[in-house]
Amino acid sequence: MIKLFLIGNDKHNSLDKYSHCINITSNFLSDILESNCIMVNSRHKFTVVKEDYFVVDAYSDDGVIEAIHLPNKKFILGVQWHPENLDDEFSQKLFSTFIEQCKNS
């Protein structure tokens, strides 16, 4: 079970196409996106609390966890933004990797 808490500001609840940068801190996600910092949209009021069973892959500048994955699993990745609403190279890389992992299962 993933624990959530209220962020307490509206920076992460925006209708803008791109609202803030995320800093990618893991090789898992940076290998997929081929970047260490990307702009994302943001429409959430909650964030996950760090637990030992998942790896944090990205944070926003204010320390909010923006991406996690489960190690030792084929492909379990969670992101706090909406790549389905972004037509950019990073969203395409996420979806392409997901589809490739599904094909190889």
PDB file of N, CA and C in Angstrom:
ATOM      1  N   MET A   1       0.843  -1.185   0.000  1.00  0.00           N
ATOM      2  CA  MET A   1       0.000   0.000   0.000  1.00  0.00           C
ATOM      3  C   MET A   1       0.885   1.244   0.000  1.00  0.00           C
ATOM      4  N   ILE A   2       0.602   2.167  -0.871  1.00  0.00           N
ATOM      5  CA  ILE A   2       1.363   3.406  -0.951  1.00  0.00           C
ATOM      6  C   ILE A   2       0.664   4.468  -0.107  1.00  0.00           C
ATOM      7  N   LYS A   3       1.433   5.137   0.748  1.00  0.00           N
ATOM      8  CA  LYS A   3       0.896   6.201   1.600  1.00  0.00           C
ATOM      9  C   LYS A   3       0.970   7.527   0.852  1.00  0.00           C
ATOM     10  N   LEU A   4      -0.078   8.324   1.000  1.00  0.00           N
ATOM     11  CA  LEU A   4      -0.147   9.633   0.361  1.00  0.00           C
ATOM     12  C   LEU A   4      -0.275  10.721   1.410  1.00  0.00           C
ATOM     13  N   PHE A   5       0.181  11.931   1.080  1.00  0.00           N
ATOM     14  CA  PHE A   5      -0.126  13.071   1.930  1.00  0.00           C
ATOM     15  C   PHE A   5      -0.383  14.286   1.055  1.00  0.00           C
ATOM     16  N   LEU A   6      -1.185  15.221   1.597  1.00  0.00           N
ATOM     17  CA  LEU A   6      -1.558  16.439   0.887  1.00  0.00           C
ATOM     18  C   LEU A   6      -0.345  17.336   0.744  1.00  0.00           C
ATOM     19  N   ILE A   7      -0.137  17.892  -0.422  1.00  0.00           N
ATOM     20  CA  ILE A   7       1.040  18.718  -0.684  1.00  0.00           C
ATOM     21  C   ILE A   7       0.950  20.056   0.037  1.00  0.00           C
ATOM     22  N   GLY A   8      -0.185  20.702   0.001  1.00  0.00           N
ATOM     23  CA  GLY A   8      -0.331  21.967   0.710  1.00  0.00           C
ATOM     24  C   GLY A   8      -0.090  23.208  -0.131  1.00  0.00           C
ATOM     25  N   ASN A   9       0.125  23.068  -1.430  1.00  0.00           N
ATOM     26  CA  ASN A   9       0.209  24.227  -2.316  1.00  0.00           C
ATOM     27  C   ASN A   9      -0.407  23.854  -3.656  1.00  0.00           C
ATOM     28  N   ASP A  10      -0.668  24.865  -4.467  1.00  0.00           N
ATOM     29  CA  ASP A  10      -1.328  24.625  -5.755  1.00  0.00           C
ATOM     30  C   ASP A  10      -0.345  24.507  -6.918  1.00  0.00           C
ATOM     31  N   LYS A  11       0.944  24.541  -6.652  1.00  0.00           N
ATOM     32  CA  LYS A  11       1.942  24.454  -7.728  1.00  0.00           C
ATOM     33  C   LYS A  11       1.778  23.177  -8.542  1.00  0.00           C
ATOM     34  N   HIS A  12       1.315  22.117  -7.902  1.00  0.00           N
ATOM     35  CA  HIS A  12       1.199  20.822  -8.570  1.00  0.00           C
ATOM     36  C   HIS A  12      -0.207  20.547  -9.099  1.00  0.00           C
ATOM     37  N   ASN A  13      -1.064  21.539  -9.028  1.00  0.00           N
ATOM     38  CA  ASN A  13      -2.435  21.381  -9.513  1.00  0.00           C
ATOM     39  C   ASN A  13      -2.704  22.504 -10.516  1.00  0.00           C
ATOM     40  N   SER A  14      -2.240  22.299 -11.740  1.00  0.00           N
ATOM     41  CA  SER A  14      -2.257  23.348 -12.752  1.00  0.00           C
ATOM     42  C   SER A  14      -2.897  22.833 -14.032  1.00  0.00           C
ATOM     43  N   LEU A  15      -3.496  23.732 -14.775  1.00  0.00           N
ATOM     44  CA  LEU A  15      -4.046  23.387 -16.083  1.00  0.00           C
ATOM     45  C   LEU A  15      -3.061  23.682 -17.217  1.00  0.00           C
ATOM     46  N   ASP A  16      -1.888  24.202 -16.873  1.00  0.00           N
ATOM     47  CA  ASP A  16      -0.882  24.516 -17.886  1.00  0.00           C
ATOM     48  C   ASP A  16      -0.378  23.243 -18.555  1.00  0.00           C
ATOM     49  N   LYS A  17      -0.025  23.350 -19.827  1.00  0.00           N
ATOM     50  CA  LYS A  17       0.507  22.186 -20.529  1.00  0.00           C
ATOM     51  C   LYS A  17       1.779  21.696 -19.851  1.00  0.00           C
ATOM     52  N   TYR A  18       2.682  22.598 -19.522  1.00  0.00           N
ATOM     53  CA  TYR A  18       3.892  22.279 -18.762  1.00  0.00           C
ATOM     54  C   TYR A  18       3.911  23.206 -17.549  1.00  0.00           C
ATOM     55  N   SER A  19       4.001  22.634 -16.362  1.00  0.00           N
ATOM     56  CA  SER A  19       3.930  23.483 -15.180  1.00  0.00           C
ATOM     57  C   SER A  19       5.214  23.536 -14.362  1.00  0.00           C
ATOM     58  N   HIS A  20       6.052  22.493 -14.435  1.00  0.00           N
ATOM     59  CA  HIS A  20       7.314  22.547 -13.700  1.00  0.00           C
ATOM     60  C   HIS A  20       8.268  21.465 -14.190  1.00  0.00           C
ATOM     61  N   CYS A  21       9.507  21.609 -13.773  1.00  0.00           N
ATOM     62  CA  CYS A  21      10.555  20.652 -14.123  1.00  0.00           C
ATOM     63  C   CYS A  21      10.617  19.561 -13.056  1.00  0.00           C
ATOM     64  N   ILE A  22      10.982  18.354 -13.469  1.00  0.00           N
ATOM     65  CA  ILE A  22      11.297  17.314 -12.498  1.00  0.00           C
ATOM     66  C   ILE A  22      12.761  16.920 -12.679  1.00  0.00           C
ATOM     67  N   ASN A  23      13.397  16.605 -11.565  1.00  0.00           N
ATOM     68  CA  ASN A  23      14.789  16.175 -11.562  1.00  0.00           C
ATOM     69  C   ASN A  23      14.821  14.665 -11.428  1.00  0.00           C
ATOM     70  N   ILE A  24      15.367  14.010 -12.426  1.00  0.00           N
ATOM     71  CA  ILE A  24      15.400  12.544 -12.464  1.00  0.00           C
ATOM     72  C   ILE A  24      16.647  12.077 -11.719  1.00  0.00           C
ATOM     73  N   THR A  25      16.422  11.234 -10.713  1.00  0.00           N
ATOM     74  CA  THR A  25      17.502  10.858  -9.803  1.00  0.00           C
ATOM     75  C   THR A  25      17.923   9.400  -9.928  1.00  0.00           C
ATOM     76  N   SER A  26      17.287   8.641 -10.786  1.00  0.00           N
ATOM     77  CA  SER A  26      17.631   7.221 -10.913  1.00  0.00           C
ATOM     78  C   SER A  26      18.058   6.900 -12.340  1.00  0.00           C
ATOM     79  N   ASN A  27      18.917   5.904 -12.461  1.00  0.00           N
ATOM     80  CA  ASN A  27      19.300   5.425 -13.793  1.00  0.00           C
ATOM     81  C   ASN A  27      18.124   4.781 -14.505  1.00  0.00           C
ATOM     82  N   PHE A  28      17.221   4.146 -13.746  1.00  0.00           N
ATOM     83  CA  PHE A  28      16.061   3.475 -14.336  1.00  0.00           C
ATOM     84  C   PHE A  28      15.290   4.439 -15.239  1.00  0.00           C
ATOM     85  N   LEU A  29      14.912   5.594 -14.710  1.00  0.00           N
ATOM     86  CA  LEU A  29      14.120   6.542 -15.489  1.00  0.00           C
ATOM     87  C   LEU A  29      14.979   7.362 -16.451  1.00  0.00           C
ATOM     88  N   SER A  30      16.175   7.729 -16.040  1.00  0.00           N
ATOM     89  CA  SER A  30      17.019   8.511 -16.957  1.00  0.00           C
ATOM     90  C   SER A  30      17.428   7.687 -18.177  1.00  0.00           C
ATOM     91  N   ASP A  31      17.572   6.374 -18.017  1.00  0.00           N
ATOM     92  CA  ASP A  31      17.864   5.519 -19.175  1.00  0.00           C
ATOM     93  C   ASP A  31      16.696   5.487 -20.159  1.00  0.00           C
ATOM     94  N   ILE A  32      15.480   5.524 -19.635  1.00  0.00           N
ATOM     95  CA  ILE A  32      14.290   5.541 -20.504  1.00  0.00           C
ATOM     96  C   ILE A  32      14.165   6.883 -21.217  1.00  0.00           C
ATOM     97  N   LEU A  33      14.252   7.964 -20.443  1.00  0.00           N
ATOM     98  CA  LEU A  33      13.996   9.300 -20.991  1.00  0.00           C
ATOM     99  C   LEU A  33      15.221   9.938 -21.641  1.00  0.00           C
ATOM    100  N   GLU A  34      16.403   9.385 -21.353  1.00  0.00           N
ATOM    101  CA  GLU A  34      17.655   9.943 -21.854  1.00  0.00           C
ATOM    102  C   GLU A  34      17.813  11.408 -21.467  1.00  0.00           C
ATOM    103  N   SER A  35      17.440  11.710 -20.219  1.00  0.00           N
ATOM    104  CA  SER A  35      17.543  13.064 -19.687  1.00  0.00           C
ATOM    105  C   SER A  35      17.537  12.997 -18.161  1.00  0.00           C
ATOM    106  N   ASN A  36      18.048  14.041 -17.538  1.00  0.00           N
ATOM    107  CA  ASN A  36      18.026  14.134 -16.078  1.00  0.00           C
ATOM    108  C   ASN A  36      17.064  15.195 -15.569  1.00  0.00           C
ATOM    109  N   CYS A  37      16.445  15.927 -16.485  1.00  0.00           N
ATOM    110  CA  CYS A  37      15.480  16.961 -16.099  1.00  0.00           C
ATOM    111  C   CYS A  37      14.517  17.163 -17.262  1.00  0.00           C
ATOM    112  N   ILE A  38      13.220  17.087 -16.988  1.00  0.00           N
ATOM    113  CA  ILE A  38      12.224  17.328 -18.037  1.00  0.00           C
ATOM    114  C   ILE A  38      11.100  18.191 -17.485  1.00  0.00           C
ATOM    115  N   MET A  39      10.413  18.865 -18.368  1.00  0.00           N
ATOM    116  CA  MET A  39       9.214  19.633 -17.995  1.00  0.00           C
ATOM    117  C   MET A  39       8.010  18.702 -18.070  1.00  0.00           C
ATOM    118  N   VAL A  40       7.105  18.834 -17.096  1.00  0.00           N
ATOM    119  CA  VAL A  40       5.909  17.994 -17.042  1.00  0.00           C
ATOM    120  C   VAL A  40       4.692  18.847 -16.719  1.00  0.00           C
ATOM    121  N   ASN A  41       3.524  18.280 -16.967  1.00  0.00           N
ATOM    122  CA  ASN A  41       2.292  18.894 -16.503  1.00  0.00           C
ATOM    123  C   ASN A  41       2.042  18.394 -15.080  1.00  0.00           C
ATOM    124  N   SER A  42       1.070  18.950 -14.416  1.00  0.00           N
ATOM    125  CA  SER A  42       0.882  18.574 -13.019  1.00  0.00           C
ATOM    126  C   SER A  42      -0.545  18.877 -12.589  1.00  0.00           C
ATOM    127  N   ARG A  43      -1.274  17.820 -12.217  1.00  0.00           N
ATOM    128  CA  ARG A  43      -2.658  17.998 -11.767  1.00  0.00           C
ATOM    129  C   ARG A  43      -2.921  17.108 -10.551  1.00  0.00           C
ATOM    130  N   HIS A  44      -2.105  17.267  -9.535  1.00  0.00           N
ATOM    131  CA  HIS A  44      -2.291  16.450  -8.341  1.00  0.00           C
ATOM    132  C   HIS A  44      -2.140  17.300  -7.083  1.00  0.00           C
ATOM    133  N   LYS A  45      -2.791  16.881  -6.024  1.00  0.00           N
ATOM    134  CA  LYS A  45      -2.714  17.560  -4.740  1.00  0.00           C
ATOM    135  C   LYS A  45      -2.012  16.710  -3.691  1.00  0.00           C
ATOM    136  N   PHE A  46      -1.662  15.476  -4.063  1.00  0.00           N
ATOM    137  CA  PHE A  46      -1.049  14.556  -3.114  1.00  0.00           C
ATOM    138  C   PHE A  46       0.290  14.055  -3.646  1.00  0.00           C
ATOM    139  N   THR A  47       1.102  13.570  -2.750  1.00  0.00           N
ATOM    140  CA  THR A  47       2.353  12.920  -3.119  1.00  0.00           C
ATOM    141  C   THR A  47       2.496  11.645  -2.312  1.00  0.00           C
ATOM    142  N   VAL A  48       3.302  10.741  -2.797  1.00  0.00           N
ATOM    143  CA  VAL A  48       3.551   9.510  -2.059  1.00  0.00           C
ATOM    144  C   VAL A  48       4.599   9.783  -0.990  1.00  0.00           C
ATOM    145  N   VAL A  49       4.592   8.958   0.033  1.00  0.00           N
ATOM    146  CA  VAL A  49       5.586   9.008   1.093  1.00  0.00           C
ATOM    147  C   VAL A  49       6.609   7.919   0.795  1.00  0.00           C
ATOM    148  N   LYS A  50       7.880   8.240   0.892  1.00  0.00           N
ATOM    149  CA  LYS A  50       8.940   7.271   0.579  1.00  0.00           C
ATOM    150  C   LYS A  50       8.836   6.041   1.461  1.00  0.00           C
ATOM    151  N   GLU A  51       8.819   4.894   0.816  1.00  0.00           N
ATOM    152  CA  GLU A  51       8.797   3.593   1.496  1.00  0.00           C
ATOM    153  C   GLU A  51       9.982   2.780   1.000  1.00  0.00           C
ATOM    154  N   ASP A  52      10.380   1.771   1.749  1.00  0.00           N
ATOM    155  CA  ASP A  52      11.549   0.977   1.388  1.00  0.00           C
ATOM    156  C   ASP A  52      11.340   0.060   0.195  1.00  0.00           C
ATOM    157  N   TYR A  53      10.106  -0.234  -0.171  1.00  0.00           N
ATOM    158  CA  TYR A  53       9.879  -1.221  -1.223  1.00  0.00           C
ATOM    159  C   TYR A  53       9.872  -0.630  -2.622  1.00  0.00           C
ATOM    160  N   PHE A  54       9.923   0.693  -2.780  1.00  0.00           N
ATOM    161  CA  PHE A  54      10.042   1.267  -4.118  1.00  0.00           C
ATOM    162  C   PHE A  54      11.204   2.251  -4.158  1.00  0.00           C
ATOM    163  N   VAL A  55      11.646   2.536  -5.376  1.00  0.00           N
ATOM    164  CA  VAL A  55      12.741   3.476  -5.605  1.00  0.00           C
ATOM    165  C   VAL A  55      12.138   4.772  -6.112  1.00  0.00           C
ATOM    166  N   VAL A  56      12.591   5.894  -5.574  1.00  0.00           N
ATOM    167  CA  VAL A  56      12.169   7.200  -6.077  1.00  0.00           C
ATOM    168  C   VAL A  56      13.024   7.525  -7.297  1.00  0.00           C
ATOM    169  N   ASP A  57      12.366   7.842  -8.398  1.00  0.00           N
ATOM    170  CA  ASP A  57      13.050   8.117  -9.659  1.00  0.00           C
ATOM    171  C   ASP A  57      13.143   9.599  -9.993  1.00  0.00           C
ATOM    172  N   ALA A  58      12.252  10.417  -9.427  1.00  0.00           N
ATOM    173  CA  ALA A  58      12.273  11.846  -9.757  1.00  0.00           C
ATOM    174  C   ALA A  58      11.571  12.657  -8.677  1.00  0.00           C
ATOM    175  N   TYR A  59      12.054  13.882  -8.515  1.00  0.00           N
ATOM    176  CA  TYR A  59      11.475  14.855  -7.579  1.00  0.00           C
ATOM    177  C   TYR A  59      11.240  16.166  -8.316  1.00  0.00           C
ATOM    178  N   SER A  60      10.296  16.946  -7.831  1.00  0.00           N
ATOM    179  CA  SER A  60      10.170  18.331  -8.286  1.00  0.00           C
ATOM    180  C   SER A  60      11.137  19.169  -7.454  1.00  0.00           C
ATOM    181  N   ASP A  61      11.319  20.435  -7.836  1.00  0.00           N
ATOM    182  CA  ASP A  61      12.256  21.310  -7.122  1.00  0.00           C
ATOM    183  C   ASP A  61      11.883  21.504  -5.655  1.00  0.00           C
ATOM    184  N   ASP A  62      10.594  21.354  -5.323  1.00  0.00           N
ATOM    185  CA  ASP A  62      10.173  21.530  -3.927  1.00  0.00           C
ATOM    186  C   ASP A  62      10.147  20.213  -3.151  1.00  0.00           C
ATOM    187  N   GLY A  63      10.741  19.161  -3.723  1.00  0.00           N
ATOM    188  CA  GLY A  63      10.901  17.907  -3.001  1.00  0.00           C
ATOM    189  C   GLY A  63       9.770  16.911  -3.116  1.00  0.00           C
ATOM    190  N   VAL A  64       8.754  17.212  -3.916  1.00  0.00           N
ATOM    191  CA  VAL A  64       7.639  16.287  -4.107  1.00  0.00           C
ATOM    192  C   VAL A  64       8.095  15.127  -4.991  1.00  0.00           C
ATOM    193  N   ILE A  65       7.790  13.916  -4.573  1.00  0.00           N
ATOM    194  CA  ILE A  65       8.131  12.730  -5.362  1.00  0.00           C
ATOM    195  C   ILE A  65       7.269  12.725  -6.625  1.00  0.00           C
ATOM    196  N   GLU A  66       7.915  12.626  -7.788  1.00  0.00           N
ATOM    197  CA  GLU A  66       7.213  12.697  -9.067  1.00  0.00           C
ATOM    198  C   GLU A  66       7.208  11.386  -9.840  1.00  0.00           C
ATOM    199  N   ALA A  67       8.092  10.442  -9.485  1.00  0.00           N
ATOM    200  CA  ALA A  67       8.117   9.150 -10.173  1.00  0.00           C
ATOM    201  C   ALA A  67       8.740   8.106  -9.250  1.00  0.00           C
ATOM    202  N   ILE A  68       8.182   6.882  -9.329  1.00  0.00           N
ATOM    203  CA  ILE A  68       8.696   5.755  -8.548  1.00  0.00           C
ATOM    204  C   ILE A  68       8.666   4.502  -9.407  1.00  0.00           C
ATOM    205  N   HIS A  69       9.470   3.505  -9.020  1.00  0.00           N
ATOM    206  CA  HIS A  69       9.358   2.185  -9.651  1.00  0.00           C
ATOM    207  C   HIS A  69       9.653   1.112  -8.616  1.00  0.00           C
ATOM    208  N   LEU A  70       9.174  -0.079  -8.900  1.00  0.00           N
ATOM    209  CA  LEU A  70       9.437  -1.227  -8.033  1.00  0.00           C
ATOM    210  C   LEU A  70      10.638  -1.980  -8.586  1.00  0.00           C
ATOM    211  N   PRO A  71      11.704  -2.092  -7.810  1.00  0.00           N
ATOM    212  CA  PRO A  71      12.865  -2.832  -8.285  1.00  0.00           C
ATOM    213  C   PRO A  71      12.576  -4.331  -8.321  1.00  0.00           C
ATOM    214  N   ASN A  72      13.361  -5.040  -9.080  1.00  0.00           N
ATOM    215  CA  ASN A  72      13.235  -6.500  -9.202  1.00  0.00           C
ATOM    216  C   ASN A  72      11.904  -6.933  -9.807  1.00  0.00           C
ATOM    217  N   LYS A  73      11.249  -6.045 -10.508  1.00  0.00           N
ATOM    218  CA  LYS A  73      10.023  -6.359 -11.238  1.00  0.00           C
ATOM    219  C   LYS A  73      10.266  -6.005 -12.696  1.00  0.00           C
ATOM    220  N   LYS A  74       9.493  -6.589 -13.576  1.00  0.00           N
ATOM    221  CA  LYS A  74       9.681  -6.382 -15.010  1.00  0.00           C
ATOM    222  C   LYS A  74       9.561  -4.899 -15.383  1.00  0.00           C
ATOM    223  N   PHE A  75       8.422  -4.283 -15.108  1.00  0.00           N
ATOM    224  CA  PHE A  75       8.237  -2.872 -15.435  1.00  0.00           C
ATOM    225  C   PHE A  75       7.037  -2.339 -14.669  1.00  0.00           C
ATOM    226  N   ILE A  76       7.302  -1.849 -13.474  1.00  0.00           N
ATOM    227  CA  ILE A  76       6.255  -1.196 -12.680  1.00  0.00           C
ATOM    228  C   ILE A  76       6.760   0.197 -12.376  1.00  0.00           C
ATOM    229  N   LEU A  77       6.183   1.181 -13.049  1.00  0.00           N
ATOM    230  CA  LEU A  77       6.599   2.578 -12.960  1.00  0.00           C
ATOM    231  C   LEU A  77       5.375   3.434 -12.691  1.00  0.00           C
ATOM    232  N   GLY A  78       5.489   4.359 -11.763  1.00  0.00           N
ATOM    233  CA  GLY A  78       4.412   5.303 -11.477  1.00  0.00           C
ATOM    234  C   GLY A  78       4.914   6.720 -11.641  1.00  0.00           C
ATOM    235  N   VAL A  79       4.136   7.562 -12.314  1.00  0.00           N
ATOM    236  CA  VAL A  79       4.503   8.971 -12.482  1.00  0.00           C
ATOM    237  C   VAL A  79       3.357   9.855 -12.018  1.00  0.00           C
ATOM    238  N   GLN A  80       3.700  11.042 -11.549  1.00  0.00           N
ATOM    239  CA  GLN A  80       2.702  11.978 -11.033  1.00  0.00           C
ATOM    240  C   GLN A  80       2.186  12.932 -12.115  1.00  0.00           C
ATOM    241  N   TRP A  81       2.743  12.891 -13.294  1.00  0.00           N
ATOM    242  CA  TRP A  81       2.260  13.757 -14.362  1.00  0.00           C
ATOM    243  C   TRP A  81       1.426  12.939 -15.334  1.00  0.00           C
ATOM    244  N   HIS A  82       0.936  13.581 -16.384  1.00  0.00           N
ATOM    245  CA  HIS A  82       0.043  12.941 -17.352  1.00  0.00           C
ATOM    246  C   HIS A  82       0.692  12.928 -18.734  1.00  0.00           C
ATOM    247  N   PRO A  83       1.558  11.927 -18.996  1.00  0.00           N
ATOM    248  CA  PRO A  83       2.213  11.883 -20.307  1.00  0.00           C
ATOM    249  C   PRO A  83       1.231  11.668 -21.456  1.00  0.00           C
ATOM    250  N   GLU A  84       0.064  11.125 -21.155  1.00  0.00           N
ATOM    251  CA  GLU A  84      -0.941  10.913 -22.208  1.00  0.00           C
ATOM    252  C   GLU A  84      -1.472  12.233 -22.759  1.00  0.00           C
ATOM    253  N   ASN A  85      -1.259  13.339 -22.025  1.00  0.00           N
ATOM    254  CA  ASN A  85      -1.701  14.653 -22.477  1.00  0.00           C
ATOM    255  C   ASN A  85      -0.572  15.490 -23.076  1.00  0.00           C
ATOM    256  N   LEU A  86       0.609  14.911 -23.164  1.00  0.00           N
ATOM    257  CA  LEU A  86       1.762  15.635 -23.703  1.00  0.00           C
ATOM    258  C   LEU A  86       2.240  14.940 -24.972  1.00  0.00           C
ATOM    259  N   ASP A  87       2.413  15.706 -25.995  1.00  0.00           N
ATOM    260  CA  ASP A  87       2.922  15.160 -27.258  1.00  0.00           C
ATOM    261  C   ASP A  87       4.378  15.594 -27.385  1.00  0.00           C
ATOM    262  N   ASP A  88       5.245  14.935 -26.608  1.00  0.00           N
ATOM    263  CA  ASP A  88       6.654  15.282 -26.651  1.00  0.00           C
ATOM    264  C   ASP A  88       7.509  14.011 -26.672  1.00  0.00           C
ATOM    265  N   GLU A  89       8.787  14.176 -26.878  1.00  0.00           N
ATOM    266  CA  GLU A  89       9.684  13.026 -27.006  1.00  0.00           C
ATOM    267  C   GLU A  89       9.738  12.192 -25.729  1.00  0.00           C
ATOM    268  N   PHE A  90       9.606  12.815 -24.572  1.00  0.00           N
ATOM    269  CA  PHE A  90       9.712  12.079 -23.312  1.00  0.00           C
ATOM    270  C   PHE A  90       8.484  11.198 -23.071  1.00  0.00           C
ATOM    271  N   SER A  91       7.325  11.713 -23.401  1.00  0.00           N
ATOM    272  CA  SER A  91       6.103  10.914 -23.285  1.00  0.00           C
ATOM    273  C   SER A  91       6.158   9.735 -24.242  1.00  0.00           C
ATOM    274  N   GLN A  92       6.629   9.990 -25.458  1.00  0.00           N
ATOM    275  CA  GLN A  92       6.762   8.913 -26.442  1.00  0.00           C
ATOM    276  C   GLN A  92       7.724   7.828 -25.953  1.00  0.00           C
ATOM    277  N   LYS A  93       8.817   8.236 -25.325  1.00  0.00           N
ATOM    278  CA  LYS A  93       9.781   7.269 -24.801  1.00  0.00           C
ATOM    279  C   LYS A  93       9.174   6.426 -23.684  1.00  0.00           C
ATOM    280  N   LEU A  94       8.385   7.062 -22.812  1.00  0.00           N
ATOM    281  CA  LEU A  94       7.704   6.300 -21.747  1.00  0.00           C
ATOM    282  C   LEU A  94       6.768   5.262 -22.328  1.00  0.00           C
ATOM    283  N   PHE A  95       5.932   5.681 -23.266  1.00  0.00           N
ATOM    284  CA  PHE A  95       4.959   4.759 -23.851  1.00  0.00           C
ATOM    285  C   PHE A  95       5.638   3.664 -24.686  1.00  0.00           C
ATOM    286  N   SER A  96       6.661   4.028 -25.427  1.00  0.00           N
ATOM    287  CA  SER A  96       7.379   3.032 -26.232  1.00  0.00           C
ATOM    288  C   SER A  96       8.022   1.974 -25.347  1.00  0.00           C
ATOM    289  N   THR A  97       8.612   2.410 -24.239  1.00  0.00           N
ATOM    290  CA  THR A  97       9.233   1.457 -23.316  1.00  0.00           C
ATOM    291  C   THR A  97       8.181   0.555 -22.695  1.00  0.00           C
ATOM    292  N   PHE A  98       7.067   1.130 -22.299  1.00  0.00           N
ATOM    293  CA  PHE A  98       5.973   0.344 -21.719  1.00  0.00           C
ATOM    294  C   PHE A  98       5.477  -0.712 -22.715  1.00  0.00           C
ATOM    295  N   ILE A  99       5.268  -0.309 -23.952  1.00  0.00           N
ATOM    296  CA  ILE A  99       4.764  -1.245 -24.982  1.00  0.00           C
ATOM    297  C   ILE A  99       5.788  -2.340 -25.240  1.00  0.00           C
ATOM    298  N   GLU A 100       7.061  -1.988 -25.328  1.00  0.00           N
ATOM    299  CA  GLU A 100       8.105  -2.987 -25.542  1.00  0.00           C
ATOM    300  C   GLU A 100       8.153  -3.988 -24.391  1.00  0.00           C
ATOM    301  N   GLN A 101       8.020  -3.510 -23.171  1.00  0.00           N
ATOM    302  CA  GLN A 101       8.032  -4.400 -22.013  1.00  0.00           C
ATOM    303  C   GLN A 101       6.824  -5.335 -22.026  1.00  0.00           C
ATOM    304  N   CYS A 102       5.684  -4.824 -22.462  1.00  0.00           N
ATOM    305  CA  CYS A 102       4.479  -5.686 -22.572  1.00  0.00           C
ATOM    306  C   CYS A 102       4.676  -6.770 -23.631  1.00  0.00           C
ATOM    307  N   LYS A 103       5.270  -6.411 -24.753  1.00  0.00           N
ATOM    308  CA  LYS A 103       5.515  -7.383 -25.824  1.00  0.00           C
ATOM    309  C   LYS A 103       6.466  -8.474 -25.378  1.00  0.00           C
ATOM    310  N   ASN A 104       7.406  -8.140 -24.532  1.00  0.00           N
ATOM    311  CA  ASN A 104       8.425  -9.086 -24.089  1.00  0.00           C
ATOM    312  C   ASN A 104       8.021  -9.890 -22.859  1.00  0.00           C
ATOM    313  N   SER A 105       6.822  -9.709 -22.401  1.00  0.00           N
ATOM    314  CA  SER A 105       6.381 -10.438 -21.191  1.00  0.00           C
ATOM    315  C   SER A 105       5.872 -11.817 -21.524  1.00  0.00           C
TER     316      SER A 105
END
